[in-house]
Amino acid sequence: LAYRAALLGTVEAIKAERDRIVAELRAAGLTVADSDANFVLY
């Protein structure tokens, strides 16, 4: 917790990958659930 800035520094990178997964799977014609988490249901 004292070093939370360093640990939480990966959150935005993970969110970017999540959004990339959603976008690319949808572009391929798949049905994908919107995600506010670090995973994607498709």
PDB file of all heavy atoms in Angstrom:
ATOM      1  N   LEU A   1       0.825  -1.208   0.000  1.00  0.00           N
ATOM      2  CA  LEU A   1       0.000   0.000   0.000  1.00  0.00           C
ATOM      3  C   LEU A   1       0.860   1.259   0.000  1.00  0.00           C
ATOM      4  O   LEU A   1       0.507   2.269  -0.619  1.00  0.00           O
ATOM      5  CB  LEU A   1      -0.932  -0.005   1.220  1.00  0.00           C
ATOM      6  CG  LEU A   1      -2.121  -0.960   1.127  1.00  0.00           C
ATOM      7  CD1 LEU A   1      -2.721  -1.210   2.504  1.00  0.00           C
ATOM      8  CD2 LEU A   1      -3.172  -0.408   0.173  1.00  0.00           C
ATOM      9  N   ALA A   2       1.992   1.198   0.676  1.00  0.00           N
ATOM     10  CA  ALA A   2       2.891   2.350   0.694  1.00  0.00           C
ATOM     11  C   ALA A   2       3.469   2.631  -0.685  1.00  0.00           C
ATOM     12  O   ALA A   2       3.831   3.776  -1.002  1.00  0.00           O
ATOM     13  CB  ALA A   2       4.016   2.117   1.704  1.00  0.00           C
ATOM     14  N   TYR A   3       3.562   1.604  -1.522  1.00  0.00           N
ATOM     15  CA  TYR A   3       4.088   1.744  -2.879  1.00  0.00           C
ATOM     16  C   TYR A   3       2.971   1.584  -3.916  1.00  0.00           C
ATOM     17  O   TYR A   3       3.200   1.116  -5.015  1.00  0.00           O
ATOM     18  CB  TYR A   3       5.180   0.702  -3.124  1.00  0.00           C
ATOM     19  CG  TYR A   3       6.514   1.066  -2.523  1.00  0.00           C
ATOM     20  CD1 TYR A   3       6.762   0.861  -1.178  1.00  0.00           C
ATOM     21  CD2 TYR A   3       7.520   1.640  -3.304  1.00  0.00           C
ATOM     22  CE1 TYR A   3       7.980   1.203  -0.610  1.00  0.00           C
ATOM     23  CE2 TYR A   3       8.739   1.988  -2.749  1.00  0.00           C
ATOM     24  CZ  TYR A   3       8.964   1.765  -1.402  1.00  0.00           C
ATOM     25  OH  TYR A   3      10.185   2.110  -0.853  1.00  0.00           O
ATOM     26  N   ARG A   4       1.779   2.006  -3.556  1.00  0.00           N
ATOM     27  CA  ARG A   4       0.646   1.772  -4.445  1.00  0.00           C
ATOM     28  C   ARG A   4       0.773   2.483  -5.788  1.00  0.00           C
ATOM     29  O   ARG A   4       0.269   1.995  -6.794  1.00  0.00           O
ATOM     30  CB  ARG A   4      -0.659   2.152  -3.766  1.00  0.00           C
ATOM     31  CG  ARG A   4      -0.811   3.607  -3.355  1.00  0.00           C
ATOM     32  CD  ARG A   4      -2.202   3.785  -2.758  1.00  0.00           C
ATOM     33  NE  ARG A   4      -2.450   5.114  -2.239  1.00  0.00           N
ATOM     34  CZ  ARG A   4      -2.336   5.465  -0.967  1.00  0.00           C
ATOM     35  NH1 ARG A   4      -1.944   4.549  -0.077  1.00  0.00           N
ATOM     36  NH2 ARG A   4      -2.589   6.681  -0.559  1.00  0.00           N
ATOM     37  N   ALA A   5       1.452   3.610  -5.821  1.00  0.00           N
ATOM     38  CA  ALA A   5       1.605   4.306  -7.099  1.00  0.00           C
ATOM     39  C   ALA A   5       2.353   3.431  -8.099  1.00  0.00           C
ATOM     40  O   ALA A   5       1.986   3.360  -9.280  1.00  0.00           O
ATOM     41  CB  ALA A   5       2.338   5.634  -6.902  1.00  0.00           C
ATOM     42  N   ALA A   6       3.381   2.745  -7.630  1.00  0.00           N
ATOM     43  CA  ALA A   6       4.148   1.861  -8.513  1.00  0.00           C
ATOM     44  C   ALA A   6       3.329   0.649  -8.911  1.00  0.00           C
ATOM     45  O   ALA A   6       3.336   0.226 -10.078  1.00  0.00           O
ATOM     46  CB  ALA A   6       5.440   1.424  -7.828  1.00  0.00           C
ATOM     47  N   LEU A   7       2.605   0.070  -7.961  1.00  0.00           N
ATOM     48  CA  LEU A   7       1.831  -1.135  -8.256  1.00  0.00           C
ATOM     49  C   LEU A   7       0.640  -0.831  -9.158  1.00  0.00           C
ATOM     50  O   LEU A   7       0.346  -1.585 -10.097  1.00  0.00           O
ATOM     51  CB  LEU A   7       1.353  -1.779  -6.951  1.00  0.00           C
ATOM     52  CG  LEU A   7       2.439  -2.461  -6.125  1.00  0.00           C
ATOM     53  CD1 LEU A   7       1.904  -2.874  -4.767  1.00  0.00           C
ATOM     54  CD2 LEU A   7       2.995  -3.676  -6.862  1.00  0.00           C
ATOM     55  N   LEU A   8      -0.051   0.266  -8.881  1.00  0.00           N
ATOM     56  CA  LEU A   8      -1.219   0.617  -9.687  1.00  0.00           C
ATOM     57  C   LEU A   8      -0.833   1.241 -11.026  1.00  0.00           C
ATOM     58  O   LEU A   8      -1.703   1.525 -11.850  1.00  0.00           O
ATOM     59  CB  LEU A   8      -2.127   1.568  -8.906  1.00  0.00           C
ATOM     60  CG  LEU A   8      -2.749   0.988  -7.631  1.00  0.00           C
ATOM     61  CD1 LEU A   8      -3.549   2.058  -6.890  1.00  0.00           C
ATOM     62  CD2 LEU A   8      -3.636  -0.211  -7.944  1.00  0.00           C
ATOM     63  N   GLY A   9       0.458   1.415 -11.232  1.00  0.00           N
ATOM     64  CA  GLY A   9       0.925   1.973 -12.496  1.00  0.00           C
ATOM     65  C   GLY A   9       0.638   1.088 -13.694  1.00  0.00           C
ATOM     66  O   GLY A   9       0.701   1.553 -14.838  1.00  0.00           O
ATOM     67  N   THR A  10       0.323  -0.181 -13.452  1.00  0.00           N
ATOM     68  CA  THR A  10       0.013  -1.083 -14.567  1.00  0.00           C
ATOM     69  C   THR A  10      -1.463  -1.050 -14.968  1.00  0.00           C
ATOM     70  O   THR A  10      -1.836  -1.610 -15.994  1.00  0.00           O
ATOM     71  CB  THR A  10       0.372  -2.537 -14.203  1.00  0.00           C
ATOM     72  OG1 THR A  10      -0.437  -2.969 -13.096  1.00  0.00           O
ATOM     73  CG2 THR A  10       1.839  -2.660 -13.821  1.00  0.00           C
ATOM     74  N   VAL A  11      -2.291  -0.416 -14.162  1.00  0.00           N
ATOM     75  CA  VAL A  11      -3.739  -0.465 -14.404  1.00  0.00           C
ATOM     76  C   VAL A  11      -4.102   0.111 -15.765  1.00  0.00           C
ATOM     77  O   VAL A  11      -4.888  -0.487 -16.523  1.00  0.00           O
ATOM     78  CB  VAL A  11      -4.493   0.262 -13.272  1.00  0.00           C
ATOM     79  CG1 VAL A  11      -5.964   0.486 -13.658  1.00  0.00           C
ATOM     80  CG2 VAL A  11      -4.414  -0.539 -11.976  1.00  0.00           C
ATOM     81  N   GLU A  12      -3.559   1.265 -16.107  1.00  0.00           N
ATOM     82  CA  GLU A  12      -3.915   1.885 -17.387  1.00  0.00           C
ATOM     83  C   GLU A  12      -3.446   1.042 -18.571  1.00  0.00           C
ATOM     84  O   GLU A  12      -4.139   0.947 -19.590  1.00  0.00           O
ATOM     85  CB  GLU A  12      -3.329   3.295 -17.475  1.00  0.00           C
ATOM     86  CG  GLU A  12      -3.980   4.293 -16.515  1.00  0.00           C
ATOM     87  CD  GLU A  12      -5.495   4.368 -16.691  1.00  0.00           C
ATOM     88  OE1 GLU A  12      -5.964   4.416 -17.862  1.00  0.00           O
ATOM     89  OE2 GLU A  12      -6.204   4.389 -15.669  1.00  0.00           O
ATOM     90  N   ALA A  13      -2.283   0.411 -18.415  1.00  0.00           N
ATOM     91  CA  ALA A  13      -1.795  -0.468 -19.483  1.00  0.00           C
ATOM     92  C   ALA A  13      -2.720  -1.666 -19.656  1.00  0.00           C
ATOM     93  O   ALA A  13      -3.006  -2.090 -20.788  1.00  0.00           O
ATOM     94  CB  ALA A  13      -0.371  -0.931 -19.176  1.00  0.00           C
ATOM     95  N   ILE A  14      -3.184  -2.216 -18.557  1.00  0.00           N
ATOM     96  CA  ILE A  14      -4.103  -3.360 -18.624  1.00  0.00           C
ATOM     97  C   ILE A  14      -5.423  -2.934 -19.248  1.00  0.00           C
ATOM     98  O   ILE A  14      -6.001  -3.658 -20.079  1.00  0.00           O
ATOM     99  CB  ILE A  14      -4.306  -3.953 -17.221  1.00  0.00           C
ATOM    100  CG1 ILE A  14      -3.005  -4.609 -16.736  1.00  0.00           C
ATOM    101  CG2 ILE A  14      -5.461  -4.954 -17.213  1.00  0.00           C
ATOM    102  CD1 ILE A  14      -3.005  -4.981 -15.276  1.00  0.00           C
ATOM    103  N   LYS A  15      -5.927  -1.775 -18.866  1.00  0.00           N
ATOM    104  CA  LYS A  15      -7.177  -1.275 -19.445  1.00  0.00           C
ATOM    105  C   LYS A  15      -7.033  -1.069 -20.951  1.00  0.00           C
ATOM    106  O   LYS A  15      -7.966  -1.341 -21.721  1.00  0.00           O
ATOM    107  CB  LYS A  15      -7.596   0.025 -18.764  1.00  0.00           C
ATOM    108  CG  LYS A  15      -8.084  -0.170 -17.342  1.00  0.00           C
ATOM    109  CD  LYS A  15      -8.173   1.131 -16.567  1.00  0.00           C
ATOM    110  CE  LYS A  15      -9.178   2.096 -17.120  1.00  0.00           C
ATOM    111  NZ  LYS A  15      -9.304   3.299 -16.267  1.00  0.00           N
ATOM    112  N   ALA A  16      -5.864  -0.618 -21.384  1.00  0.00           N
ATOM    113  CA  ALA A  16      -5.638  -0.424 -22.823  1.00  0.00           C
ATOM    114  C   ALA A  16      -5.685  -1.759 -23.555  1.00  0.00           C
ATOM    115  O   ALA A  16      -6.255  -1.865 -24.657  1.00  0.00           O
ATOM    116  CB  ALA A  16      -4.295   0.271 -23.054  1.00  0.00           C
ATOM    117  N   GLU A  17      -5.099  -2.803 -22.959  1.00  0.00           N
ATOM    118  CA  GLU A  17      -5.149  -4.129 -23.582  1.00  0.00           C
ATOM    119  C   GLU A  17      -6.571  -4.687 -23.574  1.00  0.00           C
ATOM    120  O   GLU A  17      -6.999  -5.318 -24.541  1.00  0.00           O
ATOM    121  CB  GLU A  17      -4.196  -5.086 -22.867  1.00  0.00           C
ATOM    122  CG  GLU A  17      -2.728  -4.713 -22.993  1.00  0.00           C
ATOM    123  CD  GLU A  17      -2.298  -4.526 -24.437  1.00  0.00           C
ATOM    124  OE1 GLU A  17      -2.608  -5.403 -25.272  1.00  0.00           O
ATOM    125  OE2 GLU A  17      -1.658  -3.495 -24.735  1.00  0.00           O
ATOM    126  N   ARG A  18      -7.287  -4.454 -22.485  1.00  0.00           N
ATOM    127  CA  ARG A  18      -8.697  -4.866 -22.431  1.00  0.00           C
ATOM    128  C   ARG A  18      -9.488  -4.229 -23.569  1.00  0.00           C
ATOM    129  O   ARG A  18     -10.237  -4.909 -24.281  1.00  0.00           O
ATOM    130  CB  ARG A  18      -9.289  -4.451 -21.084  1.00  0.00           C
ATOM    131  CG  ARG A  18     -10.800  -4.649 -20.968  1.00  0.00           C
ATOM    132  CD  ARG A  18     -11.373  -3.803 -19.854  1.00  0.00           C
ATOM    133  NE  ARG A  18     -11.316  -2.383 -20.141  1.00  0.00           N
ATOM    134  CZ  ARG A  18     -11.465  -1.419 -19.236  1.00  0.00           C
ATOM    135  NH1 ARG A  18     -11.635  -1.725 -17.957  1.00  0.00           N
ATOM    136  NH2 ARG A  18     -11.426  -0.143 -19.596  1.00  0.00           N
ATOM    137  N   ASP A  19      -9.322  -2.937 -23.731  1.00  0.00           N
ATOM    138  CA  ASP A  19     -10.068  -2.235 -24.776  1.00  0.00           C
ATOM    139  C   ASP A  19      -9.636  -2.683 -26.168  1.00  0.00           C
ATOM    140  O   ASP A  19     -10.451  -2.735 -27.103  1.00  0.00           O
ATOM    141  CB  ASP A  19      -9.885  -0.723 -24.622  1.00  0.00           C
ATOM    142  CG  ASP A  19     -10.514  -0.183 -23.337  1.00  0.00           C
ATOM    143  OD1 ASP A  19     -11.360  -0.897 -22.748  1.00  0.00           O
ATOM    144  OD2 ASP A  19     -10.156   0.934 -22.919  1.00  0.00           O
ATOM    145  N   ARG A  20      -8.349  -3.033 -26.309  1.00  0.00           N
ATOM    146  CA  ARG A  20      -7.872  -3.542 -27.601  1.00  0.00           C
ATOM    147  C   ARG A  20      -8.516  -4.890 -27.911  1.00  0.00           C
ATOM    148  O   ARG A  20      -8.922  -5.145 -29.056  1.00  0.00           O
ATOM    149  CB  ARG A  20      -6.346  -3.675 -27.594  1.00  0.00           C
ATOM    150  CG  ARG A  20      -5.773  -4.229 -28.902  1.00  0.00           C
ATOM    151  CD  ARG A  20      -4.313  -3.867 -29.063  1.00  0.00           C
ATOM    152  NE  ARG A  20      -3.443  -4.658 -28.239  1.00  0.00           N
ATOM    153  CZ  ARG A  20      -2.712  -5.686 -28.683  1.00  0.00           C
ATOM    154  NH1 ARG A  20      -2.799  -6.073 -29.963  1.00  0.00           N
ATOM    155  NH2 ARG A  20      -1.895  -6.341 -27.888  1.00  0.00           N
ATOM    156  N   ILE A  21      -8.633  -5.747 -26.895  1.00  0.00           N
ATOM    157  CA  ILE A  21      -9.276  -7.048 -27.100  1.00  0.00           C
ATOM    158  C   ILE A  21     -10.723  -6.850 -27.538  1.00  0.00           C
ATOM    159  O   ILE A  21     -11.193  -7.471 -28.505  1.00  0.00           O
ATOM    160  CB  ILE A  21      -9.211  -7.894 -25.817  1.00  0.00           C
ATOM    161  CG1 ILE A  21      -7.767  -8.313 -25.525  1.00  0.00           C
ATOM    162  CG2 ILE A  21     -10.103  -9.126 -25.934  1.00  0.00           C
ATOM    163  CD1 ILE A  21      -7.577  -8.932 -24.155  1.00  0.00           C
ATOM    164  N   VAL A  22     -11.438  -5.983 -26.828  1.00  0.00           N
ATOM    165  CA  VAL A  22     -12.843  -5.724 -27.183  1.00  0.00           C
ATOM    166  C   VAL A  22     -12.953  -5.229 -28.620  1.00  0.00           C
ATOM    167  O   VAL A  22     -13.764  -5.730 -29.413  1.00  0.00           O
ATOM    168  CB  VAL A  22     -13.462  -4.695 -26.204  1.00  0.00           C
ATOM    169  CG1 VAL A  22     -14.842  -4.253 -26.697  1.00  0.00           C
ATOM    170  CG2 VAL A  22     -13.565  -5.270 -24.802  1.00  0.00           C
ATOM    171  N   ALA A  23     -12.129  -4.247 -28.972  1.00  0.00           N
ATOM    172  CA  ALA A  23     -12.211  -3.644 -30.304  1.00  0.00           C
ATOM    173  C   ALA A  23     -11.877  -4.649 -31.400  1.00  0.00           C
ATOM    174  O   ALA A  23     -12.577  -4.725 -32.426  1.00  0.00           O
ATOM    175  CB  ALA A  23     -11.274  -2.448 -30.384  1.00  0.00           C
ATOM    176  N   GLU A  24     -10.819  -5.435 -31.214  1.00  0.00           N
ATOM    177  CA  GLU A  24     -10.395  -6.352 -32.276  1.00  0.00           C
ATOM    178  C   GLU A  24     -11.353  -7.535 -32.439  1.00  0.00           C
ATOM    179  O   GLU A  24     -11.609  -7.981 -33.558  1.00  0.00           O
ATOM    180  CB  GLU A  24      -8.960  -6.820 -32.027  1.00  0.00           C
ATOM    181  CG  GLU A  24      -7.947  -5.682 -32.126  1.00  0.00           C
ATOM    182  CD  GLU A  24      -6.552  -6.148 -32.468  1.00  0.00           C
ATOM    183  OE1 GLU A  24      -6.392  -7.287 -32.980  1.00  0.00           O
ATOM    184  OE2 GLU A  24      -5.606  -5.372 -32.225  1.00  0.00           O
ATOM    185  N   LEU A  25     -11.884  -8.032 -31.333  1.00  0.00           N
ATOM    186  CA  LEU A  25     -12.842  -9.123 -31.445  1.00  0.00           C
ATOM    187  C   LEU A  25     -14.142  -8.643 -32.101  1.00  0.00           C
ATOM    188  O   LEU A  25     -14.746  -9.355 -32.907  1.00  0.00           O
ATOM    189  CB  LEU A  25     -13.127  -9.740 -30.083  1.00  0.00           C
ATOM    190  CG  LEU A  25     -11.972 -10.501 -29.421  1.00  0.00           C
ATOM    191  CD1 LEU A  25     -12.432 -11.124 -28.106  1.00  0.00           C
ATOM    192  CD2 LEU A  25     -11.393 -11.574 -30.346  1.00  0.00           C
ATOM    193  N   ARG A  26     -14.553  -7.443 -31.756  1.00  0.00           N
ATOM    194  CA  ARG A  26     -15.758  -6.904 -32.394  1.00  0.00           C
ATOM    195  C   ARG A  26     -15.515  -6.636 -33.875  1.00  0.00           C
ATOM    196  O   ARG A  26     -16.412  -6.870 -34.709  1.00  0.00           O
ATOM    197  CB  ARG A  26     -16.201  -5.626 -31.683  1.00  0.00           C
ATOM    198  CG  ARG A  26     -16.885  -5.889 -30.349  1.00  0.00           C
ATOM    199  CD  ARG A  26     -17.267  -4.616 -29.632  1.00  0.00           C
ATOM    200  NE  ARG A  26     -18.022  -4.922 -28.411  1.00  0.00           N
ATOM    201  CZ  ARG A  26     -18.308  -4.036 -27.469  1.00  0.00           C
ATOM    202  NH1 ARG A  26     -17.899  -2.778 -27.599  1.00  0.00           N
ATOM    203  NH2 ARG A  26     -19.004  -4.400 -26.398  1.00  0.00           N
ATOM    204  N   ALA A  27     -14.323  -6.180 -34.201  1.00  0.00           N
ATOM    205  CA  ALA A  27     -13.999  -5.940 -35.611  1.00  0.00           C
ATOM    206  C   ALA A  27     -14.027  -7.239 -36.411  1.00  0.00           C
ATOM    207  O   ALA A  27     -14.288  -7.231 -37.620  1.00  0.00           O
ATOM    208  CB  ALA A  27     -12.622  -5.279 -35.728  1.00  0.00           C
ATOM    209  N   ALA A  28     -13.773  -8.355 -35.720  1.00  0.00           N
ATOM    210  CA  ALA A  28     -13.819  -9.666 -36.381  1.00  0.00           C
ATOM    211  C   ALA A  28     -15.240 -10.222 -36.438  1.00  0.00           C
ATOM    212  O   ALA A  28     -15.443 -11.346 -36.920  1.00  0.00           O
ATOM    213  CB  ALA A  28     -12.910 -10.645 -35.644  1.00  0.00           C
ATOM    214  N   GLY A  29     -16.194  -9.461 -35.931  1.00  0.00           N
ATOM    215  CA  GLY A  29     -17.592  -9.865 -36.016  1.00  0.00           C
ATOM    216  C   GLY A  29     -18.118 -10.627 -34.816  1.00  0.00           C
ATOM    217  O   GLY A  29     -19.234 -11.161 -34.865  1.00  0.00           O
ATOM    218  N   LEU A  30     -17.346 -10.675 -33.740  1.00  0.00           N
ATOM    219  CA  LEU A  30     -17.791 -11.413 -32.564  1.00  0.00           C
ATOM    220  C   LEU A  30     -18.591 -10.517 -31.625  1.00  0.00           C
ATOM    221  O   LEU A  30     -18.390  -9.295 -31.576  1.00  0.00           O
ATOM    222  CB  LEU A  30     -16.585 -11.978 -31.802  1.00  0.00           C
ATOM    223  CG  LEU A  30     -15.644 -12.902 -32.589  1.00  0.00           C
ATOM    224  CD1 LEU A  30     -14.588 -13.475 -31.658  1.00  0.00           C
ATOM    225  CD2 LEU A  30     -16.420 -14.019 -33.262  1.00  0.00           C
ATOM    226  N   THR A  31     -19.483 -11.132 -30.861  1.00  0.00           N
ATOM    227  CA  THR A  31     -20.230 -10.423 -29.829  1.00  0.00           C
ATOM    228  C   THR A  31     -19.388 -10.384 -28.566  1.00  0.00           C
ATOM    229  O   THR A  31     -18.928 -11.427 -28.078  1.00  0.00           O
ATOM    230  CB  THR A  31     -21.575 -11.115 -29.543  1.00  0.00           C
ATOM    231  OG1 THR A  31     -22.342 -11.147 -30.740  1.00  0.00           O
ATOM    232  CG2 THR A  31     -22.350 -10.386 -28.464  1.00  0.00           C
ATOM    233  N   VAL A  32     -19.181  -9.185 -28.031  1.00  0.00           N
ATOM    234  CA  VAL A  32     -18.290  -9.003 -26.887  1.00  0.00           C
ATOM    235  C   VAL A  32     -18.998  -8.127 -25.853  1.00  0.00           C
ATOM    236  O   VAL A  32     -19.578  -7.092 -26.194  1.00  0.00           O
ATOM    237  CB  VAL A  32     -16.965  -8.342 -27.309  1.00  0.00           C
ATOM    238  CG1 VAL A  32     -16.016  -8.229 -26.115  1.00  0.00           C
ATOM    239  CG2 VAL A  32     -16.310  -9.115 -28.438  1.00  0.00           C
ATOM    240  N   ALA A  33     -18.959  -8.526 -24.600  1.00  0.00           N
ATOM    241  CA  ALA A  33     -19.560  -7.735 -23.533  1.00  0.00           C
ATOM    242  C   ALA A  33     -18.693  -6.521 -23.218  1.00  0.00           C
ATOM    243  O   ALA A  33     -17.454  -6.597 -23.281  1.00  0.00           O
ATOM    244  CB  ALA A  33     -19.733  -8.591 -22.281  1.00  0.00           C
ATOM    245  N   ASP A  34     -19.338  -5.392 -22.888  1.00  0.00           N
ATOM    246  CA  ASP A  34     -18.592  -4.237 -22.411  1.00  0.00           C
ATOM    247  C   ASP A  34     -17.888  -4.609 -21.109  1.00  0.00           C
ATOM    248  O   ASP A  34     -18.421  -5.376 -20.300  1.00  0.00           O
ATOM    249  CB  ASP A  34     -19.533  -3.065 -22.142  1.00  0.00           C
ATOM    250  CG  ASP A  34     -20.130  -2.489 -23.417  1.00  0.00           C
ATOM    251  OD1 ASP A  34     -19.467  -2.568 -24.462  1.00  0.00           O
ATOM    252  OD2 ASP A  34     -21.260  -1.960 -23.356  1.00  0.00           O
ATOM    253  N   SER A  35     -16.699  -4.065 -20.885  1.00  0.00           N
ATOM    254  CA  SER A  35     -15.950  -4.452 -19.692  1.00  0.00           C
ATOM    255  C   SER A  35     -15.418  -3.252 -18.930  1.00  0.00           C
ATOM    256  O   SER A  35     -14.821  -2.339 -19.505  1.00  0.00           O
ATOM    257  CB  SER A  35     -14.780  -5.370 -20.052  1.00  0.00           C
ATOM    258  OG  SER A  35     -14.050  -5.717 -18.888  1.00  0.00           O
ATOM    259  N   ASP A  36     -15.642  -3.268 -17.613  1.00  0.00           N
ATOM    260  CA  ASP A  36     -15.041  -2.316 -16.687  1.00  0.00           C
ATOM    261  C   ASP A  36     -14.025  -3.029 -15.800  1.00  0.00           C
ATOM    262  O   ASP A  36     -13.605  -2.482 -14.789  1.00  0.00           O
ATOM    263  CB  ASP A  36     -16.127  -1.689 -15.805  1.00  0.00           C
ATOM    264  CG  ASP A  36     -16.996  -0.712 -16.572  1.00  0.00           C
ATOM    265  OD1 ASP A  36     -16.537   0.406 -16.833  1.00  0.00           O
ATOM    266  OD2 ASP A  36     -18.137  -1.073 -16.930  1.00  0.00           O
ATOM    267  N   ALA A  37     -13.648  -4.242 -16.199  1.00  0.00           N
ATOM    268  CA  ALA A  37     -12.743  -5.055 -15.391  1.00  0.00           C
ATOM    269  C   ALA A  37     -11.433  -5.281 -16.142  1.00  0.00           C
ATOM    270  O   ALA A  37     -11.137  -4.598 -17.129  1.00  0.00           O
ATOM    271  CB  ALA A  37     -13.417  -6.378 -15.044  1.00  0.00           C
ATOM    272  N   ASN A  38     -10.631  -6.247 -15.688  1.00  0.00           N
ATOM    273  CA  ASN A  38      -9.378  -6.560 -16.381  1.00  0.00           C
ATOM    274  C   ASN A  38      -9.529  -7.838 -17.204  1.00  0.00           C
ATOM    275  O   ASN A  38      -8.570  -8.568 -17.426  1.00  0.00           O
ATOM    276  CB  ASN A  38      -8.226  -6.699 -15.387  1.00  0.00           C
ATOM    277  CG  ASN A  38      -8.354  -7.943 -14.507  1.00  0.00           C
ATOM    278  OD1 ASN A  38      -9.460  -8.431 -14.267  1.00  0.00           O
ATOM    279  ND2 ASN A  38      -7.229  -8.445 -14.013  1.00  0.00           N
ATOM    280  N   PHE A  39     -10.752  -8.094 -17.666  1.00  0.00           N
ATOM    281  CA  PHE A  39     -11.029  -9.268 -18.488  1.00  0.00           C
ATOM    282  C   PHE A  39     -12.146  -8.947 -19.463  1.00  0.00           C
ATOM    283  O   PHE A  39     -12.825  -7.923 -19.339  1.00  0.00           O
ATOM    284  CB  PHE A  39     -11.405 -10.469 -17.616  1.00  0.00           C
ATOM    285  CG  PHE A  39     -12.589 -10.205 -16.709  1.00  0.00           C
ATOM    286  CD1 PHE A  39     -13.893 -10.328 -17.178  1.00  0.00           C
ATOM    287  CD2 PHE A  39     -12.397  -9.849 -15.389  1.00  0.00           C
ATOM    288  CE1 PHE A  39     -14.977 -10.082 -16.355  1.00  0.00           C
ATOM    289  CE2 PHE A  39     -13.485  -9.597 -14.553  1.00  0.00           C
ATOM    290  CZ  PHE A  39     -14.778  -9.721 -15.042  1.00  0.00           C
ATOM    291  N   VAL A  40     -12.329  -9.855 -20.419  1.00  0.00           N
ATOM    292  CA  VAL A  40     -13.337  -9.655 -21.468  1.00  0.00           C
ATOM    293  C   VAL A  40     -14.099 -10.964 -21.662  1.00  0.00           C
ATOM    294  O   VAL A  40     -13.492 -12.033 -21.792  1.00  0.00           O
ATOM    295  CB  VAL A  40     -12.673  -9.235 -22.795  1.00  0.00           C
ATOM    296  CG1 VAL A  40     -13.712  -9.140 -23.913  1.00  0.00           C
ATOM    297  CG2 VAL A  40     -11.944  -7.900 -22.623  1.00  0.00           C
ATOM    298  N   LEU A  41     -15.405 -10.873 -21.696  1.00  0.00           N
ATOM    299  CA  LEU A  41     -16.266 -12.017 -22.002  1.00  0.00           C
ATOM    300  C   LEU A  41     -16.706 -11.887 -23.457  1.00  0.00           C
ATOM    301  O   LEU A  41     -17.209 -10.830 -23.866  1.00  0.00           O
ATOM    302  CB  LEU A  41     -17.487 -12.035 -21.087  1.00  0.00           C
ATOM    303  CG  LEU A  41     -18.415 -13.242 -21.246  1.00  0.00           C
ATOM    304  CD1 LEU A  41     -17.777 -14.486 -20.630  1.00  0.00           C
ATOM    305  CD2 LEU A  41     -19.778 -12.967 -20.594  1.00  0.00           C
ATOM    306  N   TYR A  42     -16.520 -12.955 -24.226  1.00  0.00           N
ATOM    307  CA  TYR A  42     -16.836 -12.868 -25.649  1.00  0.00           C
ATOM    308  C   TYR A  42     -17.461 -14.167 -26.147  1.00  0.00           C
ATOM    309  O   TYR A  42     -17.217 -15.245 -25.596  1.00  0.00           O
ATOM    310  CB  TYR A  42     -15.576 -12.547 -26.463  1.00  0.00           C
ATOM    311  CG  TYR A  42     -14.523 -13.621 -26.429  1.00  0.00           C
ATOM    312  CD1 TYR A  42     -14.412 -14.559 -27.453  1.00  0.00           C
ATOM    313  CD2 TYR A  42     -13.632 -13.707 -25.362  1.00  0.00           C
ATOM    314  CE1 TYR A  42     -13.447 -15.554 -27.417  1.00  0.00           C
ATOM    315  CE2 TYR A  42     -12.658 -14.700 -25.316  1.00  0.00           C
ATOM    316  CZ  TYR A  42     -12.579 -15.619 -26.348  1.00  0.00           C
ATOM    317  OH  TYR A  42     -11.628 -16.619 -26.316  1.00  0.00           O
TER     318      TYR A  42
END
